[in-house]
Amino acid sequence: RHQPELKELMYGYFGASTGAAAALKAAAELGDTIDAVVSRGG
């Protein structure tokens, strides 16, 4: 979010396996600043 070319974008997480748990916990922490989450075999 501090990179000039990225700071204005909408954000999503794609998590796999244990990474999906991290993606969901991070999304819970960040609230509506994360716009979508996808979990693969999570």
PDB file of all heavy atoms in Angstrom:
ATOM      1  N   ARG A   1       0.817  -1.215   0.000  1.00  0.00           N
ATOM      2  CA  ARG A   1       0.000   0.000   0.000  1.00  0.00           C
ATOM      3  C   ARG A   1       0.853   1.270   0.000  1.00  0.00           C
ATOM      4  O   ARG A   1       0.344   2.349  -0.282  1.00  0.00           O
ATOM      5  CB  ARG A   1      -0.942   0.003   1.199  1.00  0.00           C
ATOM      6  CG  ARG A   1      -2.049  -1.038   1.106  1.00  0.00           C
ATOM      7  CD  ARG A   1      -3.100  -0.804   2.160  1.00  0.00           C
ATOM      8  NE  ARG A   1      -4.077  -1.870   2.237  1.00  0.00           N
ATOM      9  CZ  ARG A   1      -5.134  -2.000   1.431  1.00  0.00           C
ATOM     10  NH1 ARG A   1      -5.332  -1.125   0.464  1.00  0.00           N
ATOM     11  NH2 ARG A   1      -5.978  -3.003   1.596  1.00  0.00           N
ATOM     12  N   HIS A   2       2.136   1.141   0.301  1.00  0.00           N
ATOM     13  CA  HIS A   2       3.033   2.291   0.261  1.00  0.00           C
ATOM     14  C   HIS A   2       3.763   2.427  -1.075  1.00  0.00           C
ATOM     15  O   HIS A   2       4.514   3.382  -1.270  1.00  0.00           O
ATOM     16  CB  HIS A   2       4.056   2.214   1.400  1.00  0.00           C
ATOM     17  CG  HIS A   2       3.490   2.620   2.729  1.00  0.00           C
ATOM     18  ND1 HIS A   2       2.852   1.733   3.571  1.00  0.00           N
ATOM     19  CD2 HIS A   2       3.440   3.831   3.340  1.00  0.00           C
ATOM     20  CE1 HIS A   2       2.454   2.377   4.653  1.00  0.00           C
ATOM     21  NE2 HIS A   2       2.783   3.647   4.546  1.00  0.00           N
ATOM     22  N   GLN A   3       3.537   1.472  -1.994  1.00  0.00           N
ATOM     23  CA  GLN A   3       4.156   1.567  -3.306  1.00  0.00           C
ATOM     24  C   GLN A   3       3.285   2.456  -4.209  1.00  0.00           C
ATOM     25  O   GLN A   3       2.072   2.239  -4.295  1.00  0.00           O
ATOM     26  CB  GLN A   3       4.333   0.183  -3.935  1.00  0.00           C
ATOM     27  CG  GLN A   3       5.066  -0.812  -3.048  1.00  0.00           C
ATOM     28  CD  GLN A   3       6.362  -0.267  -2.503  1.00  0.00           C
ATOM     29  OE1 GLN A   3       7.264   0.139  -3.254  1.00  0.00           O
ATOM     30  NE2 GLN A   3       6.492  -0.257  -1.179  1.00  0.00           N
ATOM     31  N   PRO A   4       3.886   3.449  -4.854  1.00  0.00           N
ATOM     32  CA  PRO A   4       3.087   4.416  -5.626  1.00  0.00           C
ATOM     33  C   PRO A   4       2.142   3.777  -6.639  1.00  0.00           C
ATOM     34  O   PRO A   4       0.997   4.233  -6.797  1.00  0.00           O
ATOM     35  CB  PRO A   4       4.159   5.268  -6.325  1.00  0.00           C
ATOM     36  CG  PRO A   4       5.351   5.171  -5.433  1.00  0.00           C
ATOM     37  CD  PRO A   4       5.319   3.781  -4.875  1.00  0.00           C
ATOM     38  N   GLU A   5       2.592   2.705  -7.313  1.00  0.00           N
ATOM     39  CA  GLU A   5       1.760   2.111  -8.356  1.00  0.00           C
ATOM     40  C   GLU A   5       0.699   1.164  -7.800  1.00  0.00           C
ATOM     41  O   GLU A   5      -0.157   0.679  -8.550  1.00  0.00           O
ATOM     42  CB  GLU A   5       2.638   1.359  -9.379  1.00  0.00           C
ATOM     43  CG  GLU A   5       3.274   0.078  -8.857  1.00  0.00           C
ATOM     44  CD  GLU A   5       4.635   0.283  -8.217  1.00  0.00           C
ATOM     45  OE1 GLU A   5       4.811   1.283  -7.493  1.00  0.00           O
ATOM     46  OE2 GLU A   5       5.508  -0.555  -8.446  1.00  0.00           O
ATOM     47  N   LEU A   6       0.725   0.902  -6.483  1.00  0.00           N
ATOM     48  CA  LEU A   6      -0.191  -0.069  -5.893  1.00  0.00           C
ATOM     49  C   LEU A   6      -1.162   0.531  -4.888  1.00  0.00           C
ATOM     50  O   LEU A   6      -2.177  -0.080  -4.557  1.00  0.00           O
ATOM     51  CB  LEU A   6       0.607  -1.188  -5.192  1.00  0.00           C
ATOM     52  CG  LEU A   6       1.652  -1.931  -6.023  1.00  0.00           C
ATOM     53  CD1 LEU A   6       2.390  -2.955  -5.151  1.00  0.00           C
ATOM     54  CD2 LEU A   6       1.022  -2.606  -7.229  1.00  0.00           C
ATOM     55  N   LYS A   7      -0.863   1.718  -4.399  1.00  0.00           N
ATOM     56  CA  LYS A   7      -1.612   2.232  -3.242  1.00  0.00           C
ATOM     57  C   LYS A   7      -3.068   2.556  -3.534  1.00  0.00           C
ATOM     58  O   LYS A   7      -3.891   2.573  -2.619  1.00  0.00           O
ATOM     59  CB  LYS A   7      -0.898   3.450  -2.660  1.00  0.00           C
ATOM     60  CG  LYS A   7      -0.833   4.652  -3.579  1.00  0.00           C
ATOM     61  CD  LYS A   7      -0.077   5.790  -2.891  1.00  0.00           C
ATOM     62  CE  LYS A   7      -0.019   7.030  -3.756  1.00  0.00           C
ATOM     63  NZ  LYS A   7       0.712   8.137  -3.062  1.00  0.00           N
ATOM     64  N   GLU A   8      -3.416   2.810  -4.799  1.00  0.00           N
ATOM     65  CA  GLU A   8      -4.801   3.162  -5.120  1.00  0.00           C
ATOM     66  C   GLU A   8      -5.646   1.958  -5.534  1.00  0.00           C
ATOM     67  O   GLU A   8      -6.829   2.110  -5.838  1.00  0.00           O
ATOM     68  CB  GLU A   8      -4.816   4.199  -6.249  1.00  0.00           C
ATOM     69  CG  GLU A   8      -4.075   5.495  -5.926  1.00  0.00           C
ATOM     70  CD  GLU A   8      -4.689   6.233  -4.747  1.00  0.00           C
ATOM     71  OE1 GLU A   8      -5.911   6.100  -4.534  1.00  0.00           O
ATOM     72  OE2 GLU A   8      -3.949   6.934  -4.034  1.00  0.00           O
ATOM     73  N   LEU A   9      -5.062   0.762  -5.539  1.00  0.00           N
ATOM     74  CA  LEU A   9      -5.766  -0.416  -6.029  1.00  0.00           C
ATOM     75  C   LEU A   9      -6.694  -1.013  -4.980  1.00  0.00           C
ATOM     76  O   LEU A   9      -6.530  -0.793  -3.780  1.00  0.00           O
ATOM     77  CB  LEU A   9      -4.756  -1.489  -6.454  1.00  0.00           C
ATOM     78  CG  LEU A   9      -3.745  -1.100  -7.536  1.00  0.00           C
ATOM     79  CD1 LEU A   9      -2.822  -2.279  -7.823  1.00  0.00           C
ATOM     80  CD2 LEU A   9      -4.453  -0.655  -8.813  1.00  0.00           C
ATOM     81  N   MET A  10      -7.684  -1.771  -5.436  1.00  0.00           N
ATOM     82  CA  MET A  10      -8.440  -2.634  -4.550  1.00  0.00           C
ATOM     83  C   MET A  10      -7.587  -3.876  -4.277  1.00  0.00           C
ATOM     84  O   MET A  10      -6.754  -4.258  -5.107  1.00  0.00           O
ATOM     85  CB  MET A  10      -9.781  -3.015  -5.179  1.00  0.00           C
ATOM     86  CG  MET A  10     -10.668  -1.808  -5.461  1.00  0.00           C
ATOM     87  SD  MET A  10     -12.293  -2.260  -6.129  1.00  0.00           S
ATOM     88  CE  MET A  10     -13.111  -2.859  -4.648  1.00  0.00           C
ATOM     89  N   TYR A  11      -7.815  -4.516  -3.122  1.00  0.00           N
ATOM     90  CA  TYR A  11      -6.948  -5.603  -2.691  1.00  0.00           C
ATOM     91  C   TYR A  11      -7.718  -6.887  -2.430  1.00  0.00           C
ATOM     92  O   TYR A  11      -8.820  -6.874  -1.873  1.00  0.00           O
ATOM     93  CB  TYR A  11      -6.199  -5.204  -1.409  1.00  0.00           C
ATOM     94  CG  TYR A  11      -4.939  -4.414  -1.662  1.00  0.00           C
ATOM     95  CD1 TYR A  11      -4.994  -3.137  -2.220  1.00  0.00           C
ATOM     96  CD2 TYR A  11      -3.692  -4.944  -1.380  1.00  0.00           C
ATOM     97  CE1 TYR A  11      -3.849  -2.412  -2.470  1.00  0.00           C
ATOM     98  CE2 TYR A  11      -2.523  -4.228  -1.624  1.00  0.00           C
ATOM     99  CZ  TYR A  11      -2.614  -2.960  -2.166  1.00  0.00           C
ATOM    100  OH  TYR A  11      -1.472  -2.237  -2.432  1.00  0.00           O
ATOM    101  N   GLY A  12      -7.099  -8.010  -2.833  1.00  0.00           N
ATOM    102  CA  GLY A  12      -7.637  -9.327  -2.528  1.00  0.00           C
ATOM    103  C   GLY A  12      -6.530 -10.250  -2.054  1.00  0.00           C
ATOM    104  O   GLY A  12      -5.342  -9.981  -2.273  1.00  0.00           O
ATOM    105  N   TYR A  13      -6.914 -11.335  -1.397  1.00  0.00           N
ATOM    106  CA  TYR A  13      -5.983 -12.366  -0.950  1.00  0.00           C
ATOM    107  C   TYR A  13      -6.338 -13.696  -1.613  1.00  0.00           C
ATOM    108  O   TYR A  13      -7.518 -14.055  -1.710  1.00  0.00           O
ATOM    109  CB  TYR A  13      -6.060 -12.572   0.564  1.00  0.00           C
ATOM    110  CG  TYR A  13      -5.446 -11.492   1.415  1.00  0.00           C
ATOM    111  CD1 TYR A  13      -6.031 -11.156   2.643  1.00  0.00           C
ATOM    112  CD2 TYR A  13      -4.284 -10.820   1.039  1.00  0.00           C
ATOM    113  CE1 TYR A  13      -5.475 -10.179   3.457  1.00  0.00           C
ATOM    114  CE2 TYR A  13      -3.728  -9.841   1.849  1.00  0.00           C
ATOM    115  CZ  TYR A  13      -4.324  -9.528   3.048  1.00  0.00           C
ATOM    116  OH  TYR A  13      -3.762  -8.559   3.858  1.00  0.00           O
ATOM    117  N   PHE A  14      -5.301 -14.424  -2.029  1.00  0.00           N
ATOM    118  CA  PHE A  14      -5.464 -15.798  -2.503  1.00  0.00           C
ATOM    119  C   PHE A  14      -4.607 -16.673  -1.603  1.00  0.00           C
ATOM    120  O   PHE A  14      -3.379 -16.553  -1.600  1.00  0.00           O
ATOM    121  CB  PHE A  14      -5.032 -15.944  -3.965  1.00  0.00           C
ATOM    122  CG  PHE A  14      -5.225 -17.336  -4.517  1.00  0.00           C
ATOM    123  CD1 PHE A  14      -6.363 -17.646  -5.248  1.00  0.00           C
ATOM    124  CD2 PHE A  14      -4.272 -18.335  -4.318  1.00  0.00           C
ATOM    125  CE1 PHE A  14      -6.552 -18.931  -5.753  1.00  0.00           C
ATOM    126  CE2 PHE A  14      -4.453 -19.612  -4.823  1.00  0.00           C
ATOM    127  CZ  PHE A  14      -5.594 -19.913  -5.548  1.00  0.00           C
ATOM    128  N   GLY A  15      -5.241 -17.540  -0.814  1.00  0.00           N
ATOM    129  CA  GLY A  15      -4.501 -18.365   0.128  1.00  0.00           C
ATOM    130  C   GLY A  15      -4.633 -19.836  -0.204  1.00  0.00           C
ATOM    131  O   GLY A  15      -5.703 -20.307  -0.604  1.00  0.00           O
ATOM    132  N   ALA A  16      -3.531 -20.584  -0.040  1.00  0.00           N
ATOM    133  CA  ALA A  16      -3.532 -22.026  -0.253  1.00  0.00           C
ATOM    134  C   ALA A  16      -3.107 -22.721   1.032  1.00  0.00           C
ATOM    135  O   ALA A  16      -2.198 -22.263   1.722  1.00  0.00           O
ATOM    136  CB  ALA A  16      -2.583 -22.402  -1.390  1.00  0.00           C
ATOM    137  N   SER A  17      -3.785 -23.831   1.359  1.00  0.00           N
ATOM    138  CA  SER A  17      -3.443 -24.630   2.531  1.00  0.00           C
ATOM    139  C   SER A  17      -3.409 -23.753   3.788  1.00  0.00           C
ATOM    140  O   SER A  17      -4.354 -23.020   4.065  1.00  0.00           O
ATOM    141  CB  SER A  17      -2.110 -25.353   2.290  1.00  0.00           C
ATOM    142  OG  SER A  17      -1.845 -26.279   3.311  1.00  0.00           O
ATOM    143  N   THR A  18      -2.305 -23.765   4.539  1.00  0.00           N
ATOM    144  CA  THR A  18      -2.221 -22.937   5.743  1.00  0.00           C
ATOM    145  C   THR A  18      -2.238 -21.449   5.411  1.00  0.00           C
ATOM    146  O   THR A  18      -2.651 -20.626   6.230  1.00  0.00           O
ATOM    147  CB  THR A  18      -0.953 -23.268   6.538  1.00  0.00           C
ATOM    148  OG1 THR A  18       0.168 -23.242   5.652  1.00  0.00           O
ATOM    149  CG2 THR A  18      -1.042 -24.653   7.175  1.00  0.00           C
ATOM    150  N   GLY A  19      -1.798 -21.094   4.207  1.00  0.00           N
ATOM    151  CA  GLY A  19      -1.831 -19.699   3.783  1.00  0.00           C
ATOM    152  C   GLY A  19      -3.244 -19.155   3.717  1.00  0.00           C
ATOM    153  O   GLY A  19      -3.460 -17.949   3.877  1.00  0.00           O
ATOM    154  N   ALA A  20      -4.224 -20.039   3.497  1.00  0.00           N
ATOM    155  CA  ALA A  20      -5.625 -19.593   3.478  1.00  0.00           C
ATOM    156  C   ALA A  20      -6.061 -19.127   4.860  1.00  0.00           C
ATOM    157  O   ALA A  20      -6.808 -18.155   4.988  1.00  0.00           O
ATOM    158  CB  ALA A  20      -6.522 -20.719   2.985  1.00  0.00           C
ATOM    159  N   ALA A  21      -5.597 -19.823   5.901  1.00  0.00           N
ATOM    160  CA  ALA A  21      -5.926 -19.396   7.267  1.00  0.00           C
ATOM    161  C   ALA A  21      -5.329 -18.026   7.544  1.00  0.00           C
ATOM    162  O   ALA A  21      -5.980 -17.153   8.129  1.00  0.00           O
ATOM    163  CB  ALA A  21      -5.407 -20.422   8.275  1.00  0.00           C
ATOM    164  N   ALA A  22      -4.089 -17.815   7.115  1.00  0.00           N
ATOM    165  CA  ALA A  22      -3.447 -16.511   7.292  1.00  0.00           C
ATOM    166  C   ALA A  22      -4.204 -15.433   6.521  1.00  0.00           C
ATOM    167  O   ALA A  22      -4.399 -14.313   7.020  1.00  0.00           O
ATOM    168  CB  ALA A  22      -1.991 -16.569   6.843  1.00  0.00           C
ATOM    169  N   ALA A  23      -4.639 -15.752   5.297  1.00  0.00           N
ATOM    170  CA  ALA A  23      -5.371 -14.778   4.489  1.00  0.00           C
ATOM    171  C   ALA A  23      -6.675 -14.377   5.171  1.00  0.00           C
ATOM    172  O   ALA A  23      -7.043 -13.194   5.199  1.00  0.00           O
ATOM    173  CB  ALA A  23      -5.653 -15.351   3.105  1.00  0.00           C
ATOM    174  N   LEU A  24      -7.372 -15.332   5.741  1.00  0.00           N
ATOM    175  CA  LEU A  24      -8.645 -15.030   6.393  1.00  0.00           C
ATOM    176  C   LEU A  24      -8.438 -14.259   7.693  1.00  0.00           C
ATOM    177  O   LEU A  24      -9.200 -13.337   8.002  1.00  0.00           O
ATOM    178  CB  LEU A  24      -9.414 -16.326   6.637  1.00  0.00           C
ATOM    179  CG  LEU A  24     -10.004 -16.932   5.357  1.00  0.00           C
ATOM    180  CD1 LEU A  24     -10.353 -18.394   5.550  1.00  0.00           C
ATOM    181  CD2 LEU A  24     -11.223 -16.141   4.896  1.00  0.00           C
ATOM    182  N   LYS A  25      -7.409 -14.617   8.455  1.00  0.00           N
ATOM    183  CA  LYS A  25      -7.141 -13.862   9.686  1.00  0.00           C
ATOM    184  C   LYS A  25      -6.732 -12.429   9.363  1.00  0.00           C
ATOM    185  O   LYS A  25      -7.142 -11.484  10.044  1.00  0.00           O
ATOM    186  CB  LYS A  25      -6.042 -14.553  10.498  1.00  0.00           C
ATOM    187  CG  LYS A  25      -6.489 -15.825  11.184  1.00  0.00           C
ATOM    188  CD  LYS A  25      -5.505 -16.276  12.261  1.00  0.00           C
ATOM    189  CE  LYS A  25      -5.609 -15.382  13.478  1.00  0.00           C
ATOM    190  NZ  LYS A  25      -4.914 -15.959  14.653  1.00  0.00           N
ATOM    191  N   ALA A  26      -5.925 -12.264   8.311  1.00  0.00           N
ATOM    192  CA  ALA A  26      -5.518 -10.921   7.917  1.00  0.00           C
ATOM    193  C   ALA A  26      -6.711 -10.126   7.413  1.00  0.00           C
ATOM    194  O   ALA A  26      -6.858  -8.931   7.712  1.00  0.00           O
ATOM    195  CB  ALA A  26      -4.433 -10.999   6.838  1.00  0.00           C
ATOM    196  N   ALA A  27      -7.597 -10.771   6.653  1.00  0.00           N
ATOM    197  CA  ALA A  27      -8.797 -10.089   6.161  1.00  0.00           C
ATOM    198  C   ALA A  27      -9.687  -9.662   7.322  1.00  0.00           C
ATOM    199  O   ALA A  27     -10.285  -8.573   7.295  1.00  0.00           O
ATOM    200  CB  ALA A  27      -9.563 -10.996   5.205  1.00  0.00           C
ATOM    201  N   ALA A  28      -9.797 -10.508   8.352  1.00  0.00           N
ATOM    202  CA  ALA A  28     -10.586 -10.145   9.531  1.00  0.00           C
ATOM    203  C   ALA A  28      -9.979  -8.929  10.222  1.00  0.00           C
ATOM    204  O   ALA A  28     -10.697  -8.036  10.687  1.00  0.00           O
ATOM    205  CB  ALA A  28     -10.657 -11.325  10.493  1.00  0.00           C
ATOM    206  N   GLU A  29      -8.666  -8.882  10.263  1.00  0.00           N
ATOM    207  CA  GLU A  29      -7.970  -7.763  10.907  1.00  0.00           C
ATOM    208  C   GLU A  29      -8.157  -6.460  10.137  1.00  0.00           C
ATOM    209  O   GLU A  29      -8.342  -5.393  10.733  1.00  0.00           O
ATOM    210  CB  GLU A  29      -6.482  -8.093  11.012  1.00  0.00           C
ATOM    211  CG  GLU A  29      -5.629  -7.026  11.661  1.00  0.00           C
ATOM    212  CD  GLU A  29      -5.800  -6.955  13.167  1.00  0.00           C
ATOM    213  OE1 GLU A  29      -6.293  -7.934  13.770  1.00  0.00           O
ATOM    214  OE2 GLU A  29      -5.467  -5.898  13.734  1.00  0.00           O
ATOM    215  N   LEU A  30      -8.124  -6.539   8.805  1.00  0.00           N
ATOM    216  CA  LEU A  30      -8.137  -5.340   7.968  1.00  0.00           C
ATOM    217  C   LEU A  30      -9.541  -4.889   7.570  1.00  0.00           C
ATOM    218  O   LEU A  30      -9.700  -3.793   7.019  1.00  0.00           O
ATOM    219  CB  LEU A  30      -7.290  -5.572   6.718  1.00  0.00           C
ATOM    220  CG  LEU A  30      -5.789  -5.763   6.991  1.00  0.00           C
ATOM    221  CD1 LEU A  30      -5.053  -6.101   5.707  1.00  0.00           C
ATOM    222  CD2 LEU A  30      -5.188  -4.515   7.635  1.00  0.00           C
ATOM    223  N   GLY A  31     -10.532  -5.700   7.822  1.00  0.00           N
ATOM    224  CA  GLY A  31     -11.915  -5.291   7.569  1.00  0.00           C
ATOM    225  C   GLY A  31     -12.177  -4.980   6.107  1.00  0.00           C
ATOM    226  O   GLY A  31     -11.740  -5.713   5.211  1.00  0.00           O
ATOM    227  N   ASP A  32     -12.872  -3.867   5.860  1.00  0.00           N
ATOM    228  CA  ASP A  32     -13.306  -3.578   4.495  1.00  0.00           C
ATOM    229  C   ASP A  32     -12.204  -3.015   3.601  1.00  0.00           C
ATOM    230  O   ASP A  32     -12.478  -2.603   2.472  1.00  0.00           O
ATOM    231  CB  ASP A  32     -14.521  -2.650   4.493  1.00  0.00           C
ATOM    232  CG  ASP A  32     -14.247  -1.311   5.167  1.00  0.00           C
ATOM    233  OD1 ASP A  32     -13.077  -1.037   5.500  1.00  0.00           O
ATOM    234  OD2 ASP A  32     -15.204  -0.540   5.359  1.00  0.00           O
ATOM    235  N   THR A  33     -10.960  -2.999   4.064  1.00  0.00           N
ATOM    236  CA  THR A  33      -9.859  -2.610   3.178  1.00  0.00           C
ATOM    237  C   THR A  33      -9.349  -3.799   2.364  1.00  0.00           C
ATOM    238  O   THR A  33      -8.518  -3.625   1.478  1.00  0.00           O
ATOM    239  CB  THR A  33      -8.681  -1.979   3.955  1.00  0.00           C
ATOM    240  OG1 THR A  33      -8.130  -2.948   4.841  1.00  0.00           O
ATOM    241  CG2 THR A  33      -9.143  -0.770   4.738  1.00  0.00           C
ATOM    242  N   ILE A  34      -9.836  -5.009   2.665  1.00  0.00           N
ATOM    243  CA  ILE A  34      -9.601  -6.176   1.818  1.00  0.00           C
ATOM    244  C   ILE A  34     -10.923  -6.499   1.144  1.00  0.00           C
ATOM    245  O   ILE A  34     -11.958  -6.656   1.801  1.00  0.00           O
ATOM    246  CB  ILE A  34      -9.095  -7.381   2.634  1.00  0.00           C
ATOM    247  CG1 ILE A  34      -7.726  -7.072   3.235  1.00  0.00           C
ATOM    248  CG2 ILE A  34      -9.007  -8.635   1.757  1.00  0.00           C
ATOM    249  CD1 ILE A  34      -6.626  -6.784   2.220  1.00  0.00           C
ATOM    250  N   ASP A  35     -10.894  -6.578  -0.178  1.00  0.00           N
ATOM    251  CA  ASP A  35     -12.134  -6.614  -0.947  1.00  0.00           C
ATOM    252  C   ASP A  35     -12.604  -7.999  -1.356  1.00  0.00           C
ATOM    253  O   ASP A  35     -13.756  -8.168  -1.748  1.00  0.00           O
ATOM    254  CB  ASP A  35     -11.966  -5.735  -2.189  1.00  0.00           C
ATOM    255  CG  ASP A  35     -11.623  -4.297  -1.810  1.00  0.00           C
ATOM    256  OD1 ASP A  35     -12.505  -3.614  -1.268  1.00  0.00           O
ATOM    257  OD2 ASP A  35     -10.472  -3.872  -2.024  1.00  0.00           O
ATOM    258  N   ALA A  36     -11.727  -9.003  -1.298  1.00  0.00           N
ATOM    259  CA  ALA A  36     -12.117 -10.370  -1.658  1.00  0.00           C
ATOM    260  C   ALA A  36     -11.043 -11.342  -1.198  1.00  0.00           C
ATOM    261  O   ALA A  36      -9.860 -10.990  -1.125  1.00  0.00           O
ATOM    262  CB  ALA A  36     -12.332 -10.499  -3.169  1.00  0.00           C
ATOM    263  N   VAL A  37     -11.471 -12.568  -0.895  1.00  0.00           N
ATOM    264  CA  VAL A  37     -10.559 -13.640  -0.497  1.00  0.00           C
ATOM    265  C   VAL A  37     -10.942 -14.909  -1.241  1.00  0.00           C
ATOM    266  O   VAL A  37     -12.124 -15.226  -1.371  1.00  0.00           O
ATOM    267  CB  VAL A  37     -10.617 -13.914   1.022  1.00  0.00           C
ATOM    268  CG1 VAL A  37      -9.699 -15.086   1.401  1.00  0.00           C
ATOM    269  CG2 VAL A  37     -10.255 -12.673   1.825  1.00  0.00           C
ATOM    270  N   VAL A  38      -9.915 -15.623  -1.731  1.00  0.00           N
ATOM    271  CA  VAL A  38     -10.128 -16.948  -2.317  1.00  0.00           C
ATOM    272  C   VAL A  38      -9.189 -17.926  -1.623  1.00  0.00           C
ATOM    273  O   VAL A  38      -8.007 -17.637  -1.424  1.00  0.00           O
ATOM    274  CB  VAL A  38      -9.868 -16.956  -3.843  1.00  0.00           C
ATOM    275  CG1 VAL A  38      -9.934 -18.382  -4.393  1.00  0.00           C
ATOM    276  CG2 VAL A  38     -10.870 -16.073  -4.570  1.00  0.00           C
ATOM    277  N   SER A  39      -9.718 -19.075  -1.263  1.00  0.00           N
ATOM    278  CA  SER A  39      -8.943 -20.144  -0.628  1.00  0.00           C
ATOM    279  C   SER A  39      -8.921 -21.351  -1.551  1.00  0.00           C
ATOM    280  O   SER A  39      -9.970 -21.796  -2.025  1.00  0.00           O
ATOM    281  CB  SER A  39      -9.585 -20.518   0.712  1.00  0.00           C
ATOM    282  OG  SER A  39      -9.149 -21.780   1.172  1.00  0.00           O
ATOM    283  N   ARG A  40      -7.719 -21.904  -1.817  1.00  0.00           N
ATOM    284  CA  ARG A  40      -7.582 -23.115  -2.647  1.00  0.00           C
ATOM    285  C   ARG A  40      -7.066 -24.264  -1.764  1.00  0.00           C
ATOM    286  O   ARG A  40      -5.972 -24.210  -1.245  1.00  0.00           O
ATOM    287  CB  ARG A  40      -6.586 -22.893  -3.786  1.00  0.00           C
ATOM    288  CG  ARG A  40      -6.235 -24.192  -4.519  1.00  0.00           C
ATOM    289  CD  ARG A  40      -5.184 -24.013  -5.584  1.00  0.00           C
ATOM    290  NE  ARG A  40      -3.888 -23.627  -5.092  1.00  0.00           N
ATOM    291  CZ  ARG A  40      -2.978 -24.476  -4.569  1.00  0.00           C
ATOM    292  NH1 ARG A  40      -3.254 -25.747  -4.419  1.00  0.00           N
ATOM    293  NH2 ARG A  40      -1.798 -24.017  -4.173  1.00  0.00           N
ATOM    294  N   GLY A  41      -7.888 -25.286  -1.605  1.00  0.00           N
ATOM    295  CA  GLY A  41      -7.466 -26.414  -0.782  1.00  0.00           C
ATOM    296  C   GLY A  41      -7.020 -25.953   0.587  1.00  0.00           C
ATOM    297  O   GLY A  41      -6.048 -26.461   1.141  1.00  0.00           O
ATOM    298  N   GLY A  42      -7.719 -24.968   1.117  1.00  0.00           N
ATOM    299  CA  GLY A  42      -7.260 -24.262   2.304  1.00  0.00           C
ATOM    300  C   GLY A  42      -7.643 -24.932   3.608  1.00  0.00           C
ATOM    301  O   GLY A  42      -8.455 -25.856   3.657  1.00  0.00           O
TER     302      GLY A  42
END
